[in-house]
Amino acid sequence: MGKQMTEMLKGTLEGIVLAILSRRPAYGYEITTRLREMGLTDIVEGTVYALLIRIEQRGLADVERHPSEKGPPRKVYSLNAQGQAYLEEFWQTWSLLTAQLKQLHEGEE
């Protein structure tokens, strides 16, 4: 992944993770795997875990501990109402931004 892509992801990764959680609850490694399946192969687990901590602290997701076959219990994150509202705002902002960028790219005024 190039530097430009990395910089763009910094501003959108939270929304991407919330969108993943809107489909079903997940734990950190599952989210990292999903991101890699989407082609975001350079995202490391540490980045995702740090982001999940911020999401939890901001009250955007609920967290449950589930037993794990290996190691300590897993923290499973699920989007709550506050997180859903934040995600909807993210998509509105994303739509506006992409429309403006498309206009700029196509040379429209």
Protein backbone atom coordinates (compact mmCIF):
# COMPACT_ATOMS: atom_id res chain seq x y z
CA MET A 1 0.00 0.00 0.00
CA GLY A 2 1.39 3.38 -0.93
CA LYS A 3 1.89 6.34 1.37
CA GLN A 4 -1.04 8.18 -0.19
CA MET A 5 -3.39 5.27 0.52
CA THR A 6 -2.09 5.01 4.09
CA GLU A 7 -2.75 8.70 4.72
CA MET A 8 -6.27 8.50 3.26
CA LEU A 9 -7.06 5.45 5.39
CA LYS A 10 -6.14 7.29 8.57
CA GLY A 11 -9.18 9.50 8.13
CA THR A 12 -11.60 6.76 7.10
CA LEU A 13 -10.56 3.60 8.96
CA GLU A 14 -12.86 4.33 11.90
CA GLY A 15 -15.86 4.54 9.56
CA ILE A 16 -14.78 1.38 7.77
CA VAL A 17 -14.52 -0.54 11.06
CA LEU A 18 -17.91 0.77 12.21
CA ALA A 19 -19.39 -0.35 8.88
CA ILE A 20 -17.96 -3.85 9.45
CA LEU A 21 -19.48 -3.89 12.95
CA SER A 22 -22.83 -2.75 11.56
CA ARG A 23 -23.10 -6.08 9.77
CA ARG A 24 -22.38 -8.23 12.82
CA PRO A 25 -20.45 -8.19 16.10
CA ALA A 26 -16.76 -9.05 15.76
CA TYR A 27 -13.48 -9.14 17.63
CA GLY A 28 -10.24 -7.48 16.61
CA TYR A 29 -8.68 -10.32 14.65
CA GLU A 30 -11.92 -10.89 12.68
CA ILE A 31 -12.00 -7.21 11.76
CA THR A 32 -8.35 -7.26 10.69
CA THR A 33 -9.03 -10.35 8.56
CA ARG A 34 -12.03 -8.66 6.92
CA LEU A 35 -9.94 -5.56 6.14
CA ARG A 36 -7.29 -7.75 4.53
CA GLU A 37 -9.95 -9.55 2.49
CA MET A 38 -11.01 -6.11 1.25
CA GLY A 39 -7.46 -5.58 -0.04
CA LEU A 40 -6.20 -3.46 2.86
CA THR A 41 -3.34 -5.87 3.45
CA ASP A 42 -0.93 -3.48 5.18
CA ILE A 43 -3.21 -2.79 8.14
CA VAL A 44 -1.76 -4.43 11.22
CA GLU A 45 -3.69 -5.81 14.17
CA GLY A 46 -2.20 -3.21 16.51
CA THR A 47 -3.79 -0.42 14.49
CA VAL A 48 -7.18 -2.12 14.63
CA TYR A 49 -6.94 -2.82 18.38
CA ALA A 50 -6.00 0.80 19.14
CA LEU A 51 -8.93 1.97 17.02
CA LEU A 52 -11.31 -0.41 18.81
CA ILE A 53 -10.21 0.98 22.17
CA ARG A 54 -11.03 4.51 20.94
CA ILE A 55 -14.39 3.33 19.57
CA GLU A 56 -15.20 1.75 22.95
CA GLN A 57 -14.08 4.83 24.90
CA ARG A 58 -16.22 7.10 22.72
CA GLY A 59 -19.26 4.91 23.39
CA LEU A 60 -19.78 3.88 19.77
CA ALA A 61 -19.79 0.14 20.44
CA ASP A 62 -20.78 -2.23 23.20
CA VAL A 63 -18.24 -4.81 24.31
CA GLU A 64 -18.78 -8.33 25.60
CA ARG A 65 -16.12 -10.77 26.70
CA HIS A 66 -16.42 -14.23 25.15
CA PRO A 67 -14.34 -17.23 26.18
CA SER A 68 -11.53 -18.11 23.80
CA GLU A 69 -10.12 -21.54 23.05
CA LYS A 70 -6.68 -19.95 23.10
CA GLY A 71 -5.65 -17.38 25.66
CA PRO A 72 -7.73 -14.74 27.44
CA PRO A 73 -11.39 -13.99 26.66
CA ARG A 74 -12.06 -12.15 23.42
CA LYS A 75 -13.59 -8.70 23.41
CA VAL A 76 -16.46 -8.81 20.93
CA TYR A 77 -17.61 -5.40 19.71
CA SER A 78 -21.11 -4.62 18.51
CA LEU A 79 -22.36 -1.35 17.13
CA ASN A 80 -24.78 0.43 19.47
CA ALA A 81 -27.28 3.22 18.71
CA GLN A 82 -24.67 5.96 19.18
CA GLY A 83 -22.28 4.13 16.87
CA GLN A 84 -25.04 3.65 14.28
CA ALA A 85 -25.79 7.38 14.33
CA TYR A 86 -22.08 8.16 13.95
CA LEU A 87 -21.84 5.70 11.04
CA GLU A 88 -24.81 7.32 9.30
CA GLU A 89 -23.10 10.70 9.64
CA PHE A 90 -19.88 9.15 8.27
CA TRP A 91 -21.74 7.87 5.18
CA GLN A 92 -23.38 11.26 4.61
CA THR A 93 -20.01 12.98 4.84
CA TRP A 94 -18.43 10.34 2.60
CA SER A 95 -21.16 10.78 -0.04
CA LEU A 96 -20.74 14.55 -0.04
CA LEU A 97 -16.96 14.30 -0.26
CA THR A 98 -16.94 11.74 -3.06
CA ALA A 99 -19.48 13.77 -5.06
CA GLN A 100 -17.32 16.87 -4.72
CA LEU A 101 -14.17 14.97 -5.68
CA LYS A 102 -15.94 13.47 -8.70
CA GLN A 103 -16.98 16.95 -9.83
CA LEU A 104 -13.44 18.21 -9.41
CA HIS A 105 -12.00 15.22 -11.26
CA GLU A 106 -14.44 15.61 -14.14
CA GLY A 107 -13.77 19.35 -14.36
CA GLU A 108 -17.28 20.48 -13.46
CA GLU A 109 -17.93 23.77 -11.67
